[in-house]
Amino acid sequence: MTAVMLLSLISPFGVYYAVQLAKRKDFKAHRKIQNIIFIICVVGVLALEGLIRAEGGSGSLASASEYYHTSFFKFTLISHIIVAVLSYLLWTILIIISNIKFQKSLPGKLSKFHKTAGLIVFGGLIYTAITALIVYLMTLNLI
C-alpha cells in the first residue's frame, strides 16, 4: 500500500517532466516516458486492487481508522476513487490514440485534444495523489 501511495505522489512529477520534453519538441522521449509511467502506474493500481481484495475490501483496510466513519473520510475516499478511475480511463484512451497516431499525425490535428486531455489527466493525477496521501494518513491514524 505504501509503495502505491508513493507512486501516486511521484507520478505527476514524471508526467510533468514528460510534458516539458514535449514542449522542447522531443516527442520520442515524451512518448517513451509517458508510456513507462502509465504502465508502472497501472501495474501499481492493479497490485493495490489485488491487496484490497485479498484483505477483504477497502472497509477491512480502513475500518481500524478513527476517521473511518467520518463524512470527510468517506467523501475523500469516494472522490479519490472517482477521480482516479476517470483519470486513468482518459489516460488509457490518450495513450492508445497517441501511440497509434505517433509520427503519423502527432503533432497535428489531434494535438489540441491531446493537450487538453493531457492537462485533465495531469490534474486528475495531482488530485489522486493528494487524496491518496490523505486517505493513507487517515487510514493509518497518522494525522
Protein backbone atom coordinates (compact mmCIF):
# COMPACT_ATOMS: atom_id res chain seq x y z
CA MET A 1 0.00 0.00 0.00
CA THR A 2 2.83 2.39 0.83
CA ALA A 3 4.59 1.74 -2.48
CA VAL A 4 1.46 2.53 -4.50
CA MET A 5 0.83 5.67 -2.44
CA LEU A 6 4.41 6.81 -3.12
CA LEU A 7 3.93 6.01 -6.80
CA SER A 8 0.80 8.18 -6.79
CA LEU A 9 2.79 11.03 -5.26
CA ILE A 10 5.69 10.71 -7.72
CA SER A 11 3.79 10.11 -10.97
CA PRO A 12 2.63 13.72 -11.52
CA PHE A 13 6.27 14.85 -11.40
CA GLY A 14 7.21 12.29 -14.05
CA VAL A 15 4.29 13.35 -16.22
CA TYR A 16 5.27 17.00 -15.77
CA TYR A 17 8.83 16.18 -16.87
CA ALA A 18 7.49 14.38 -19.94
CA VAL A 19 5.37 17.43 -20.81
CA GLN A 20 8.46 19.61 -20.62
CA LEU A 21 10.13 17.28 -23.12
CA ALA A 22 7.17 17.67 -25.49
CA LYS A 23 7.39 21.45 -25.15
CA ARG A 24 11.04 21.15 -26.27
CA LYS A 25 9.81 19.12 -29.28
CA ASP A 26 11.40 15.89 -28.00
CA PHE A 27 8.28 13.90 -28.81
CA LYS A 28 10.01 10.49 -28.80
CA ALA A 29 11.28 10.96 -25.24
CA HIS A 30 7.89 12.37 -24.20
CA ARG A 31 6.13 9.30 -25.59
CA LYS A 32 8.60 6.88 -24.02
CA ILE A 33 8.38 8.42 -20.54
CA GLN A 34 4.59 8.70 -20.67
CA ASN A 35 4.27 5.05 -21.68
CA ILE A 36 6.64 3.91 -18.93
CA ILE A 37 4.89 5.98 -16.25
CA PHE A 38 1.50 4.78 -17.45
CA ILE A 39 2.49 1.10 -17.36
CA ILE A 40 4.10 1.41 -13.92
CA CYS A 41 1.05 3.24 -12.56
CA VAL A 42 -1.41 0.72 -13.99
CA VAL A 43 0.60 -2.18 -12.53
CA GLY A 44 0.68 -0.34 -9.19
CA VAL A 45 -3.08 0.25 -9.20
CA LEU A 46 -3.73 -3.39 -10.10
CA ALA A 47 -1.42 -4.51 -7.28
CA LEU A 48 -3.23 -2.23 -4.83
CA GLU A 49 -6.60 -3.51 -6.01
CA GLY A 50 -5.36 -7.08 -5.52
CA LEU A 51 -4.21 -6.21 -1.99
CA ILE A 52 -7.53 -4.58 -1.18
CA ARG A 53 -9.46 -7.61 -2.47
CA ALA A 54 -7.18 -10.06 -0.63
CA GLU A 55 -7.71 -8.17 2.64
CA GLY A 56 -11.48 -8.29 2.25
CA GLY A 57 -12.16 -4.92 0.62
CA SER A 58 -11.38 -1.31 1.40
CA GLY A 59 -13.50 -1.43 4.54
CA SER A 60 -11.27 -4.06 6.11
CA LEU A 61 -8.15 -1.97 5.45
CA ALA A 62 -9.60 1.29 6.71
CA SER A 63 -12.04 0.17 9.41
CA ALA A 64 -9.41 0.42 12.18
CA SER A 65 -9.02 4.12 11.44
CA GLU A 66 -10.54 6.54 13.91
CA TYR A 67 -11.66 8.55 10.85
CA TYR A 68 -13.40 5.66 9.11
CA HIS A 69 -16.93 6.75 9.99
CA THR A 70 -16.43 10.47 9.38
CA SER A 71 -18.05 12.14 6.41
CA PHE A 72 -14.71 13.75 5.48
CA PHE A 73 -13.02 10.35 5.20
CA LYS A 74 -15.87 8.91 3.15
CA PHE A 75 -16.03 11.94 0.85
CA THR A 76 -12.25 11.94 0.36
CA LEU A 77 -12.12 8.21 -0.34
CA ILE A 78 -15.08 8.25 -2.75
CA SER A 79 -13.87 11.34 -4.61
CA HIS A 80 -10.37 9.81 -4.75
CA ILE A 81 -11.72 6.65 -6.36
CA ILE A 82 -13.97 8.50 -8.84
CA VAL A 83 -11.27 10.95 -9.98
CA ALA A 84 -8.64 8.20 -10.15
CA VAL A 85 -10.84 5.91 -12.26
CA LEU A 86 -11.87 8.71 -14.63
CA SER A 87 -8.28 9.98 -14.92
CA TYR A 88 -6.93 6.51 -15.67
CA LEU A 89 -9.68 5.87 -18.23
CA LEU A 90 -8.89 9.12 -20.03
CA TRP A 91 -5.16 8.44 -19.73
CA THR A 92 -5.67 4.98 -21.25
CA ILE A 93 -7.60 6.46 -24.18
CA LEU A 94 -4.96 9.15 -24.65
CA ILE A 95 -2.09 6.63 -24.54
CA ILE A 96 -3.78 4.31 -27.06
CA ILE A 97 -4.73 7.06 -29.52
CA SER A 98 -1.37 8.79 -29.18
CA ASN A 99 0.60 5.61 -29.75
CA ILE A 100 -1.46 4.84 -32.84
CA LYS A 101 -1.14 8.37 -34.22
CA PHE A 102 2.51 8.95 -33.20
CA GLN A 103 4.64 10.02 -36.18
CA LYS A 104 1.58 9.84 -38.42
CA SER A 105 -0.38 12.86 -37.26
CA LEU A 106 1.14 13.93 -33.94
CA PRO A 107 1.80 16.72 -33.61
CA GLY A 108 -1.06 17.67 -35.88
CA LYS A 109 -4.85 17.75 -35.90
CA LEU A 110 -5.06 15.64 -32.76
CA SER A 111 -2.71 17.92 -30.83
CA LYS A 112 -5.44 20.13 -29.35
CA PHE A 113 -7.31 17.11 -27.99
CA HIS A 114 -4.00 15.60 -26.84
CA LYS A 115 -3.02 18.72 -24.90
CA THR A 116 -6.47 19.22 -23.36
CA ALA A 117 -6.86 15.57 -22.38
CA GLY A 118 -3.29 15.51 -21.07
CA LEU A 119 -3.98 18.55 -18.89
CA ILE A 120 -7.11 16.89 -17.50
CA VAL A 121 -5.18 13.68 -16.79
CA PHE A 122 -2.39 15.67 -15.13
CA GLY A 123 -4.90 17.47 -12.91
CA GLY A 124 -6.53 14.15 -12.10
CA LEU A 125 -3.19 12.62 -11.16
CA ILE A 126 -2.45 15.54 -8.84
CA TYR A 127 -5.86 15.25 -7.17
CA THR A 128 -5.44 11.48 -6.92
CA ALA A 129 -2.01 11.90 -5.32
CA ILE A 130 -3.25 14.41 -2.74
CA THR A 131 -6.32 12.40 -1.81
CA ALA A 132 -4.30 9.15 -1.75
CA LEU A 133 -1.97 10.73 0.80
CA ILE A 134 -4.89 11.98 2.91
CA VAL A 135 -6.66 8.60 2.85
CA TYR A 136 -3.39 6.78 3.59
CA LEU A 137 -2.57 9.01 6.56
CA MET A 138 -6.11 8.78 7.91
CA THR A 139 -6.27 5.01 7.43
CA LEU A 140 -3.10 4.56 9.47
CA ASN A 141 -4.18 7.19 12.03
CA LEU A 142 -1.09 9.25 11.27
CA ILE A 143 -2.91 12.58 11.30
